[in-house]
C-alpha atoms as a PDB file:
ATOM      1  CA  MET A   1       0.000   0.000   0.000  1.00  0.00           C
ATOM      2  CA  LYS A   2       2.810   2.407   0.865  1.00  0.00           C
ATOM      3  CA  GLN A   3       4.408   1.729  -2.533  1.00  0.00           C
ATOM      4  CA  VAL A   4       1.162   2.558  -4.352  1.00  0.00           C
ATOM      5  CA  VAL A   5       0.749   5.829  -2.458  1.00  0.00           C
ATOM      6  CA  ARG A   6       4.412   6.690  -2.966  1.00  0.00           C
ATOM      7  CA  GLY A   7       4.065   5.932  -6.698  1.00  0.00           C
ATOM      8  CA  LEU A   8       1.039   8.201  -7.001  1.00  0.00           C
ATOM      9  CA  ILE A   9       2.849  11.017  -5.196  1.00  0.00           C
ATOM     10  CA  VAL A  10       5.891  10.625  -7.451  1.00  0.00           C
ATOM     11  CA  ALA A  11       3.702  10.494 -10.569  1.00  0.00           C
ATOM     12  CA  ALA A  12       1.884  13.660  -9.514  1.00  0.00           C
ATOM     13  CA  ALA A  13       5.165  15.409  -8.706  1.00  0.00           C
ATOM     14  CA  LEU A  14       6.577  14.457 -12.113  1.00  0.00           C
ATOM     15  CA  GLY A  15       3.498  15.764 -13.866  1.00  0.00           C
ATOM     16  CA  LEU A  16       2.193  12.370 -14.988  1.00  0.00           C
ATOM     17  CA  PRO A  17      -1.534  12.895 -14.420  1.00  0.00           C
ATOM     18  CA  GLY A  18      -2.526   9.747 -16.297  1.00  0.00           C
ATOM     19  CA  LEU A  19      -0.705   7.740 -13.635  1.00  0.00           C
ATOM     20  CA  ALA A  20      -1.606   9.877 -10.673  1.00  0.00           C
ATOM     21  CA  PHE A  21      -5.299   9.944 -11.536  1.00  0.00           C
ATOM     22  CA  ALA A  22      -5.743   6.490 -12.992  1.00  0.00           C
ATOM     23  CA  ASN A  23      -8.558   4.473 -11.461  1.00  0.00           C
ATOM     24  CA  GLY A  24     -10.586   6.643  -9.138  1.00  0.00           C
ATOM     25  CA  SER A  25      -9.583  10.239  -9.630  1.00  0.00           C
ATOM     26  CA  PRO A  26     -12.376  12.583  -8.666  1.00  0.00           C
ATOM     27  CA  GLN A  27     -10.820  15.243 -10.930  1.00  0.00           C
ATOM     28  CA  VAL A  28     -10.824  13.108 -14.059  1.00  0.00           C
ATOM     29  CA  LYS A  29     -14.287  11.742 -13.275  1.00  0.00           C
ATOM     30  CA  ALA A  30     -15.521  15.323 -12.816  1.00  0.00           C
ATOM     31  CA  GLU A  31     -14.064  16.301 -16.205  1.00  0.00           C
ATOM     32  CA  MET A  32     -15.674  13.238 -17.773  1.00  0.00           C
ATOM     33  CA  THR A  33     -19.006  14.096 -16.182  1.00  0.00           C
ATOM     34  CA  SER A  34     -18.715  17.682 -17.405  1.00  0.00           C
ATOM     35  CA  ALA A  35     -17.930  16.453 -20.931  1.00  0.00           C
ATOM     36  CA  GLY A  36     -21.018  14.217 -20.862  1.00  0.00           C
ATOM     37  CA  CYS A  37     -19.160  10.892 -20.930  1.00  0.00           C
ATOM     38  CA  PHE A  38     -21.325   9.238 -18.289  1.00  0.00           C
ATOM     39  CA  ALA A  39     -24.494  10.126 -20.197  1.00  0.00           C
ATOM     40  CA  CYS A  40     -23.561   7.432 -22.714  1.00  0.00           C
ATOM     41  CA  HIS A  41     -21.098   5.191 -20.830  1.00  0.00           C
ATOM     42  CA  ALA A  42     -20.900   3.401 -17.483  1.00  0.00           C
ATOM     43  CA  VAL A  43     -18.036   1.451 -15.944  1.00  0.00           C
ATOM     44  CA  SER A  44     -19.600  -2.009 -15.974  1.00  0.00           C
ATOM     45  CA  HIS A  45     -22.571  -2.012 -18.356  1.00  0.00           C
ATOM     46  CA  LYS A  46     -23.689  -0.635 -21.706  1.00  0.00           C
ATOM     47  CA  VAL A  47     -25.712   2.554 -21.661  1.00  0.00           C
ATOM     48  CA  VAL A  48     -25.646   3.909 -25.224  1.00  0.00           C
ATOM     49  CA  GLY A  49     -21.951   3.268 -25.711  1.00  0.00           C
ATOM     50  CA  PRO A  50     -19.878   0.351 -24.443  1.00  0.00           C
ATOM     51  CA  ALA A  51     -18.931  -0.107 -20.796  1.00  0.00           C
ATOM     52  CA  TYR A  52     -15.553   1.327 -19.872  1.00  0.00           C
ATOM     53  CA  SER A  53     -14.537  -2.105 -18.559  1.00  0.00           C
ATOM     54  CA  TRP A  54     -15.155  -3.531 -22.054  1.00  0.00           C
ATOM     55  CA  VAL A  55     -13.037  -0.807 -23.631  1.00  0.00           C
ATOM     56  CA  ALA A  56     -10.272  -1.557 -21.121  1.00  0.00           C
ATOM     57  CA  TYR A  57     -10.470  -5.243 -22.106  1.00  0.00           C
ATOM     58  CA  VAL A  58     -10.298  -4.598 -25.849  1.00  0.00           C
ATOM     59  CA  PHE A  59      -7.414  -2.143 -25.573  1.00  0.00           C
ATOM     60  CA  ALA A  60      -5.612  -3.688 -22.571  1.00  0.00           C
ATOM     61  CA  HIS A  61      -2.400  -4.671 -24.346  1.00  0.00           C
ATOM     62  CA  LYS A  62      -2.516  -2.652 -27.545  1.00  0.00           C
ATOM     63  CA  PRO A  63       0.449  -0.347 -28.058  1.00  0.00           C
ATOM     64  CA  GLY A  64      -0.593   3.300 -28.159  1.00  0.00           C
ATOM     65  CA  ALA A  65      -4.032   2.571 -26.712  1.00  0.00           C
ATOM     66  CA  LYS A  66      -4.118   5.772 -24.645  1.00  0.00           C
ATOM     67  CA  VAL A  67      -3.387   7.995 -27.646  1.00  0.00           C
ATOM     68  CA  THR A  68      -5.785   6.053 -29.882  1.00  0.00           C
ATOM     69  CA  LEU A  69      -8.599   6.427 -27.360  1.00  0.00           C
ATOM     70  CA  ALA A  70      -7.765  10.083 -26.739  1.00  0.00           C
ATOM     71  CA  HIS A  71      -8.140  10.825 -30.453  1.00  0.00           C
ATOM     72  CA  LYS A  72     -11.421   8.868 -30.535  1.00  0.00           C
ATOM     73  CA  ILE A  73     -12.696  10.928 -27.575  1.00  0.00           C
ATOM     74  CA  ILE A  74     -11.888  14.154 -29.414  1.00  0.00           C
ATOM     75  CA  SER A  75     -13.044  13.133 -32.899  1.00  0.00           C
ATOM     76  CA  GLY A  76     -15.894  10.728 -32.058  1.00  0.00           C
ATOM     77  CA  GLY A  77     -16.970   8.134 -34.576  1.00  0.00           C
ATOM     78  CA  ALA A  78     -18.472   4.691 -34.973  1.00  0.00           C
ATOM     79  CA  GLY A  79     -17.422   1.252 -36.053  1.00  0.00           C
ATOM     80  CA  ARG A  80     -15.767  -0.944 -33.439  1.00  0.00           C
ATOM     81  CA  TRP A  81     -18.800  -1.093 -31.132  1.00  0.00           C
ATOM     82  CA  ASN A  82     -21.634  -1.050 -33.714  1.00  0.00           C
ATOM     83  CA  ALA A  83     -22.860  -4.525 -32.724  1.00  0.00           C
ATOM     84  CA  TRP A  84     -23.516  -3.229 -29.188  1.00  0.00           C
ATOM     85  CA  THR A  85     -24.614   0.317 -30.046  1.00  0.00           C
ATOM     86  CA  GLY A  86     -26.731  -0.348 -33.089  1.00  0.00           C
ATOM     87  CA  GLY A  87     -24.468   1.977 -35.052  1.00  0.00           C
ATOM     88  CA  ILE A  88     -25.047   5.009 -32.842  1.00  0.00           C
ATOM     89  CA  PRO A  89     -21.832   7.015 -33.163  1.00  0.00           C
ATOM     90  CA  MET A  90     -19.854   8.523 -30.336  1.00  0.00           C
ATOM     91  CA  ILE A  91     -20.168  12.290 -30.486  1.00  0.00           C
ATOM     92  CA  PRO A  92     -16.962  14.288 -30.887  1.00  0.00           C
ATOM     93  CA  HIS A  93     -15.566  16.369 -28.045  1.00  0.00           C
ATOM     94  CA  PRO A  94     -13.444  18.956 -29.913  1.00  0.00           C
ATOM     95  CA  GLN A  95     -13.445  21.263 -26.890  1.00  0.00           C
ATOM     96  CA  LEU A  96     -11.087  18.874 -25.077  1.00  0.00           C
ATOM     97  CA  THR A  97      -7.337  19.194 -25.334  1.00  0.00           C
ATOM     98  CA  LEU A  98      -5.273  16.153 -26.195  1.00  0.00           C
ATOM     99  CA  ALA A  99      -3.917  16.188 -22.623  1.00  0.00           C
ATOM    100  CA  GLN A 100      -7.439  16.126 -21.167  1.00  0.00           C
ATOM    101  CA  ALA A 101      -8.496  13.328 -23.513  1.00  0.00           C
ATOM    102  CA  GLU A 102      -5.368  11.339 -22.619  1.00  0.00           C
ATOM    103  CA  GLN A 103      -6.187  11.647 -18.907  1.00  0.00           C
ATOM    104  CA  MET A 104      -9.696  10.368 -19.638  1.00  0.00           C
ATOM    105  CA  ALA A 105      -8.321   7.535 -21.769  1.00  0.00           C
ATOM    106  CA  SER A 106      -5.911   6.601 -18.962  1.00  0.00           C
ATOM    107  CA  TRP A 107      -8.834   6.499 -16.541  1.00  0.00           C
ATOM    108  CA  VAL A 108     -10.809   4.237 -18.896  1.00  0.00           C
ATOM    109  CA  LEU A 109      -7.839   1.924 -19.430  1.00  0.00           C
ATOM    110  CA  ALA A 110      -7.310   1.687 -15.657  1.00  0.00           C
ATOM    111  CA  GLN A 111     -10.718   0.070 -15.163  1.00  0.00           C
ATOM    112  CA  LYS A 112     -10.865  -3.656 -14.487  1.00  0.00           C
ATOM    113  CA  PRO A 113     -10.956  -5.266 -17.951  1.00  0.00           C
ATOM    114  CA  VAL A 114     -14.078  -7.322 -18.635  1.00  0.00           C
ATOM    115  CA  ALA A 115     -14.775  -9.127 -21.905  1.00  0.00           C
ATOM    116  CA  PRO A 116     -17.809  -7.681 -23.685  1.00  0.00           C
ATOM    117  CA  PRO A 117     -20.808 -10.008 -23.851  1.00  0.00           C
ATOM    118  CA  LYS A 118     -21.740 -11.531 -27.177  1.00  0.00           C
ATOM    119  CA  PRO A 119     -23.725  -8.961 -29.213  1.00  0.00           C
END
């Protein structure tokens, strides 16, 4: 436990917000709420878009996942999750900076990965 806390303090001191705010950051969750993310997504179940735990599962070991997801957050789109969403696209969030979107993507990727159910 001490190592985890120490790691978070070091990450925050080094300016690595994606590490410091990973799984339960109230600040990142507040930004996500403000951006409307939780209107369409939940951690463990589909709302309109896929559950964050499903996204974490799909992208768990893909190189560049954080940047890929950050760009998807900013630009929106459809495709990968059509079988679960019925083709409803994710709306773009052009008001977000890449840094903000990367923090959000880090938060999503820090969720416990769960395989999506069969569509």
